[in-house]
Amino acid sequence: TAYEMLRSLVGSEMCIRDRYMGYLWYTIEIKTESPKAEKTVELATQVRKAMAFDITIQNPLKEIITFEVVANGNGLLGDPFFTVPGQQSATYELVFSPLKVFKERGSISFVNEKLGEIWYELLLTSEDIPPQRLTTLKAELGKTDKLEVTLENPSGKDVRV
């Protein structure tokens, strides 16, 4: 058997017993397609400026359901799993926090074996930040002047400047 929800190729083997030739093995290749996108959403922000997009997911079943979350696109951040109580809805927060300038298509998919795939097409736009004008430094010959400049580090790691 084969099970895959995310637009990809799946391989599976099938065995058939033939009384004359013994066992015959077949390799099957299946191409799955996703359902239509629930919605197309435009997300636009400046480089290093995060924005959140809330997605409400409904669980029609009586049992608790956990979705695998697959986000495709630069600057998309979120939990890899999302749980929705039975016969309720819950809100998933997807964060768009780009580190470079670009314009591209992306997607976010919620996949569950019982409920299938729910996905959103994303139109992602990351714009450049306008330059900041610093005050002019002036110093007499042999003297110094100082200016404090704040630098952002969105990587979460220590960086030596």
C-alpha atoms as a PDB file:
ATOM      1  CA  THR A   1       0.000   0.000   0.000  1.00  0.00           C
ATOM      2  CA  ALA A   2       1.039   3.590  -0.420  1.00  0.00           C
ATOM      3  CA  TYR A   3       0.108   6.670   1.596  1.00  0.00           C
ATOM      4  CA  GLU A   4       1.287  10.173   0.869  1.00  0.00           C
ATOM      5  CA  MET A   5      -0.573  13.473   0.920  1.00  0.00           C
ATOM      6  CA  LEU A   6       1.952  16.038  -0.247  1.00  0.00           C
ATOM      7  CA  ARG A   7       2.209  16.167  -4.053  1.00  0.00           C
ATOM      8  CA  SER A   8       5.003  13.671  -4.443  1.00  0.00           C
ATOM      9  CA  LEU A   9       5.850  10.299  -5.876  1.00  0.00           C
ATOM     10  CA  VAL A  10       5.376   7.241  -3.722  1.00  0.00           C
ATOM     11  CA  GLY A  11       6.835   3.797  -4.261  1.00  0.00           C
ATOM     12  CA  SER A  12       5.208   0.597  -3.074  1.00  0.00           C
ATOM     13  CA  GLU A  13       5.585  -3.084  -3.739  1.00  0.00           C
ATOM     14  CA  MET A  14       2.720  -5.453  -4.378  1.00  0.00           C
ATOM     15  CA  CYS A  15       2.991  -9.235  -4.291  1.00  0.00           C
ATOM     16  CA  ILE A  16       0.625 -11.477  -6.260  1.00  0.00           C
ATOM     17  CA  ARG A  17       0.713 -15.236  -5.864  1.00  0.00           C
ATOM     18  CA  ASP A  18       0.401 -17.145  -9.135  1.00  0.00           C
ATOM     19  CA  ARG A  19      -0.074 -20.898  -8.807  1.00  0.00           C
ATOM     20  CA  TYR A  20       2.008 -21.606 -11.932  1.00  0.00           C
ATOM     21  CA  MET A  21       4.850 -19.067 -11.619  1.00  0.00           C
ATOM     22  CA  GLY A  22       5.064 -18.649  -7.833  1.00  0.00           C
ATOM     23  CA  TYR A  23       5.125 -15.102  -6.535  1.00  0.00           C
ATOM     24  CA  LEU A  24       5.222 -12.028  -8.784  1.00  0.00           C
ATOM     25  CA  TRP A  25       6.423  -8.694  -7.415  1.00  0.00           C
ATOM     26  CA  TYR A  26       5.374  -5.389  -8.921  1.00  0.00           C
ATOM     27  CA  THR A  27       6.659  -1.928  -8.098  1.00  0.00           C
ATOM     28  CA  ILE A  28       3.962   0.703  -8.298  1.00  0.00           C
ATOM     29  CA  GLU A  29       4.566   4.414  -8.634  1.00  0.00           C
ATOM     30  CA  ILE A  30       1.724   6.731  -7.655  1.00  0.00           C
ATOM     31  CA  LYS A  31       1.597  10.473  -8.132  1.00  0.00           C
ATOM     32  CA  THR A  32      -0.709  12.162  -5.673  1.00  0.00           C
ATOM     33  CA  GLU A  33      -2.206  15.604  -6.037  1.00  0.00           C
ATOM     34  CA  SER A  34      -3.310  17.967  -3.333  1.00  0.00           C
ATOM     35  CA  PRO A  35      -6.813  19.323  -3.120  1.00  0.00           C
ATOM     36  CA  LYS A  36      -7.393  22.934  -4.164  1.00  0.00           C
ATOM     37  CA  ALA A  37      -5.924  25.504  -1.817  1.00  0.00           C
ATOM     38  CA  GLU A  38      -8.315  26.692   0.886  1.00  0.00           C
ATOM     39  CA  LYS A  39      -7.242  30.235   0.128  1.00  0.00           C
ATOM     40  CA  THR A  40      -4.454  32.276  -1.441  1.00  0.00           C
ATOM     41  CA  VAL A  41      -2.932  34.701   1.045  1.00  0.00           C
ATOM     42  CA  GLU A  42      -0.534  37.571   0.433  1.00  0.00           C
ATOM     43  CA  LEU A  43       2.108  38.082   3.113  1.00  0.00           C
ATOM     44  CA  ALA A  44       4.295  41.169   2.731  1.00  0.00           C
ATOM     45  CA  THR A  45       6.766  42.705   5.137  1.00  0.00           C
ATOM     46  CA  GLN A  46      10.190  44.304   5.232  1.00  0.00           C
ATOM     47  CA  VAL A  47      13.430  42.396   5.689  1.00  0.00           C
ATOM     48  CA  ARG A  48      13.974  41.451   9.376  1.00  0.00           C
ATOM     49  CA  LYS A  49      10.432  42.536  10.307  1.00  0.00           C
ATOM     50  CA  ALA A  50       8.313  39.576  11.416  1.00  0.00           C
ATOM     51  CA  MET A  51       4.581  39.314  10.831  1.00  0.00           C
ATOM     52  CA  ALA A  52       2.097  36.663  11.942  1.00  0.00           C
ATOM     53  CA  PHE A  53      -0.658  34.971   9.954  1.00  0.00           C
ATOM     54  CA  ASP A  54      -3.326  33.135  11.966  1.00  0.00           C
ATOM     55  CA  ILE A  55      -4.973  30.087  10.390  1.00  0.00           C
ATOM     56  CA  THR A  56      -8.087  28.559  11.937  1.00  0.00           C
ATOM     57  CA  ILE A  57      -8.404  24.796  11.476  1.00  0.00           C
ATOM     58  CA  GLN A  58     -11.655  22.911  12.202  1.00  0.00           C
ATOM     59  CA  ASN A  59     -11.767  19.332  13.524  1.00  0.00           C
ATOM     60  CA  PRO A  60     -15.148  17.737  12.692  1.00  0.00           C
ATOM     61  CA  LEU A  61     -14.260  14.447  14.398  1.00  0.00           C
ATOM     62  CA  LYS A  62     -15.018  13.614  18.053  1.00  0.00           C
ATOM     63  CA  GLU A  63     -11.395  12.683  18.734  1.00  0.00           C
ATOM     64  CA  ILE A  64      -8.315  14.889  19.146  1.00  0.00           C
ATOM     65  CA  ILE A  65      -6.459  15.242  15.833  1.00  0.00           C
ATOM     66  CA  THR A  66      -2.793  16.141  15.325  1.00  0.00           C
ATOM     67  CA  PHE A  67      -1.732  17.588  11.987  1.00  0.00           C
ATOM     68  CA  GLU A  68       1.765  17.492  10.564  1.00  0.00           C
ATOM     69  CA  VAL A  69       2.550  21.027   9.409  1.00  0.00           C
ATOM     70  CA  VAL A  70       4.714  21.547   6.317  1.00  0.00           C
ATOM     71  CA  ALA A  71       5.678  25.149   5.485  1.00  0.00           C
ATOM     72  CA  ASN A  72       7.426  25.803   2.158  1.00  0.00           C
ATOM     73  CA  GLY A  73       8.975  29.218   1.536  1.00  0.00           C
ATOM     74  CA  ASN A  74      11.751  31.512   2.722  1.00  0.00           C
ATOM     75  CA  GLY A  75      11.275  33.047   6.156  1.00  0.00           C
ATOM     76  CA  LEU A  76       8.330  30.867   7.264  1.00  0.00           C
ATOM     77  CA  LEU A  77       8.414  29.744  10.893  1.00  0.00           C
ATOM     78  CA  GLY A  78       5.981  27.665  12.930  1.00  0.00           C
ATOM     79  CA  ASP A  79       5.468  24.505  14.940  1.00  0.00           C
ATOM     80  CA  PRO A  80       5.866  21.245  12.974  1.00  0.00           C
ATOM     81  CA  PHE A  81       2.752  19.725  14.599  1.00  0.00           C
ATOM     82  CA  PHE A  82      -0.652  21.201  15.446  1.00  0.00           C
ATOM     83  CA  THR A  83      -3.306  19.576  17.636  1.00  0.00           C
ATOM     84  CA  VAL A  84      -7.028  20.379  17.448  1.00  0.00           C
ATOM     85  CA  PRO A  85      -9.495  19.088  20.073  1.00  0.00           C
ATOM     86  CA  GLY A  86     -12.455  16.995  18.931  1.00  0.00           C
ATOM     87  CA  GLN A  87     -15.327  18.911  17.269  1.00  0.00           C
ATOM     88  CA  GLN A  88     -13.564  22.226  17.835  1.00  0.00           C
ATOM     89  CA  SER A  89     -11.416  24.691  15.980  1.00  0.00           C
ATOM     90  CA  ALA A  90      -7.994  26.021  16.888  1.00  0.00           C
ATOM     91  CA  THR A  91      -5.723  28.750  15.556  1.00  0.00           C
ATOM     92  CA  TYR A  92      -2.237  28.066  14.186  1.00  0.00           C
ATOM     93  CA  GLU A  93       0.237  30.951  14.065  1.00  0.00           C
ATOM     94  CA  LEU A  94       2.556  31.075  11.053  1.00  0.00           C
ATOM     95  CA  VAL A  95       5.328  33.677  11.283  1.00  0.00           C
ATOM     96  CA  PHE A  96       6.831  35.276   8.175  1.00  0.00           C
ATOM     97  CA  SER A  97      10.256  36.681   9.067  1.00  0.00           C
ATOM     98  CA  PRO A  98      12.378  37.128   5.923  1.00  0.00           C
ATOM     99  CA  LEU A  99      16.118  37.784   6.032  1.00  0.00           C
ATOM    100  CA  LYS A 100      16.554  38.843   2.392  1.00  0.00           C
ATOM    101  CA  VAL A 101      14.615  40.675  -0.318  1.00  0.00           C
ATOM    102  CA  PHE A 102      12.491  38.410  -2.536  1.00  0.00           C
ATOM    103  CA  LYS A 103       9.095  37.742  -4.061  1.00  0.00           C
ATOM    104  CA  GLU A 104       7.971  34.111  -4.366  1.00  0.00           C
ATOM    105  CA  ARG A 105       5.172  31.604  -3.920  1.00  0.00           C
ATOM    106  CA  GLY A 106       5.032  29.382  -0.873  1.00  0.00           C
ATOM    107  CA  SER A 107       2.571  27.149   0.922  1.00  0.00           C
ATOM    108  CA  ILE A 108       1.573  25.780   4.272  1.00  0.00           C
ATOM    109  CA  SER A 109      -0.045  22.349   4.564  1.00  0.00           C
ATOM    110  CA  PHE A 110      -1.785  20.626   7.452  1.00  0.00           C
ATOM    111  CA  VAL A 111      -1.727  16.857   6.933  1.00  0.00           C
ATOM    112  CA  ASN A 112      -3.592  14.206   8.886  1.00  0.00           C
ATOM    113  CA  GLU A 113      -4.208  10.565   7.931  1.00  0.00           C
ATOM    114  CA  LYS A 114      -7.945  10.768   8.747  1.00  0.00           C
ATOM    115  CA  LEU A 115      -8.752  14.293   7.538  1.00  0.00           C
ATOM    116  CA  GLY A 116      -6.347  14.518   4.603  1.00  0.00           C
ATOM    117  CA  GLU A 117      -4.576  17.719   3.602  1.00  0.00           C
ATOM    118  CA  ILE A 118      -5.621  21.328   4.130  1.00  0.00           C
ATOM    119  CA  TRP A 119      -3.310  23.847   2.511  1.00  0.00           C
ATOM    120  CA  TYR A 120      -2.943  27.535   1.751  1.00  0.00           C
ATOM    121  CA  GLU A 121      -1.060  29.104  -1.131  1.00  0.00           C
ATOM    122  CA  LEU A 122       1.157  31.961   0.036  1.00  0.00           C
ATOM    123  CA  LEU A 123       2.333  34.920  -2.027  1.00  0.00           C
ATOM    124  CA  LEU A 124       5.428  36.009  -0.121  1.00  0.00           C
ATOM    125  CA  THR A 125       6.957  39.456  -0.566  1.00  0.00           C
ATOM    126  CA  SER A 126       9.957  40.717   1.369  1.00  0.00           C
ATOM    127  CA  GLU A 127      10.833  44.353   0.747  1.00  0.00           C
ATOM    128  CA  ASP A 128      14.058  46.184   1.453  1.00  0.00           C
ATOM    129  CA  ILE A 129      14.251  48.450   4.497  1.00  0.00           C
ATOM    130  CA  PRO A 130      14.823  52.109   3.636  1.00  0.00           C
ATOM    131  CA  PRO A 131      18.336  53.269   4.587  1.00  0.00           C
ATOM    132  CA  GLN A 132      18.749  55.062   7.911  1.00  0.00           C
ATOM    133  CA  ARG A 133      20.440  58.407   7.787  1.00  0.00           C
ATOM    134  CA  LEU A 134      23.015  58.788  10.561  1.00  0.00           C
ATOM    135  CA  THR A 135      24.059  62.084  12.059  1.00  0.00           C
ATOM    136  CA  THR A 136      27.221  63.608  10.650  1.00  0.00           C
ATOM    137  CA  LEU A 137      30.311  63.138  12.797  1.00  0.00           C
ATOM    138  CA  LYS A 138      32.600  66.131  13.227  1.00  0.00           C
ATOM    139  CA  ALA A 139      35.933  66.188  15.026  1.00  0.00           C
ATOM    140  CA  GLU A 140      38.863  68.589  15.112  1.00  0.00           C
ATOM    141  CA  LEU A 141      42.241  67.312  13.991  1.00  0.00           C
ATOM    142  CA  GLY A 142      43.598  64.955  16.655  1.00  0.00           C
ATOM    143  CA  LYS A 143      40.225  64.651  18.441  1.00  0.00           C
ATOM    144  CA  THR A 144      37.554  61.933  18.163  1.00  0.00           C
ATOM    145  CA  ASP A 145      33.786  61.754  18.006  1.00  0.00           C
ATOM    146  CA  LYS A 146      31.496  58.775  18.641  1.00  0.00           C
ATOM    147  CA  LEU A 147      28.197  57.545  17.333  1.00  0.00           C
ATOM    148  CA  GLU A 148      26.381  54.512  18.684  1.00  0.00           C
ATOM    149  CA  VAL A 149      24.774  52.349  15.993  1.00  0.00           C
ATOM    150  CA  THR A 150      22.314  49.564  16.852  1.00  0.00           C
ATOM    151  CA  LEU A 151      22.572  46.448  14.703  1.00  0.00           C
ATOM    152  CA  GLU A 152      19.862  43.780  14.559  1.00  0.00           C
ATOM    153  CA  ASN A 153      20.748  40.104  14.733  1.00  0.00           C
ATOM    154  CA  PRO A 154      17.708  38.033  13.717  1.00  0.00           C
ATOM    155  CA  SER A 155      19.692  34.763  13.620  1.00  0.00           C
ATOM    156  CA  GLY A 156      19.480  34.033  17.346  1.00  0.00           C
ATOM    157  CA  LYS A 157      23.223  33.255  17.361  1.00  0.00           C
ATOM    158  CA  ASP A 158      26.128  35.355  18.656  1.00  0.00           C
ATOM    159  CA  VAL A 159      27.815  37.221  15.808  1.00  0.00           C
ATOM    160  CA  ARG A 160      31.153  39.005  15.975  1.00  0.00           C
ATOM    161  CA  VAL A 161      31.152  42.386  14.255  1.00  0.00           C
END
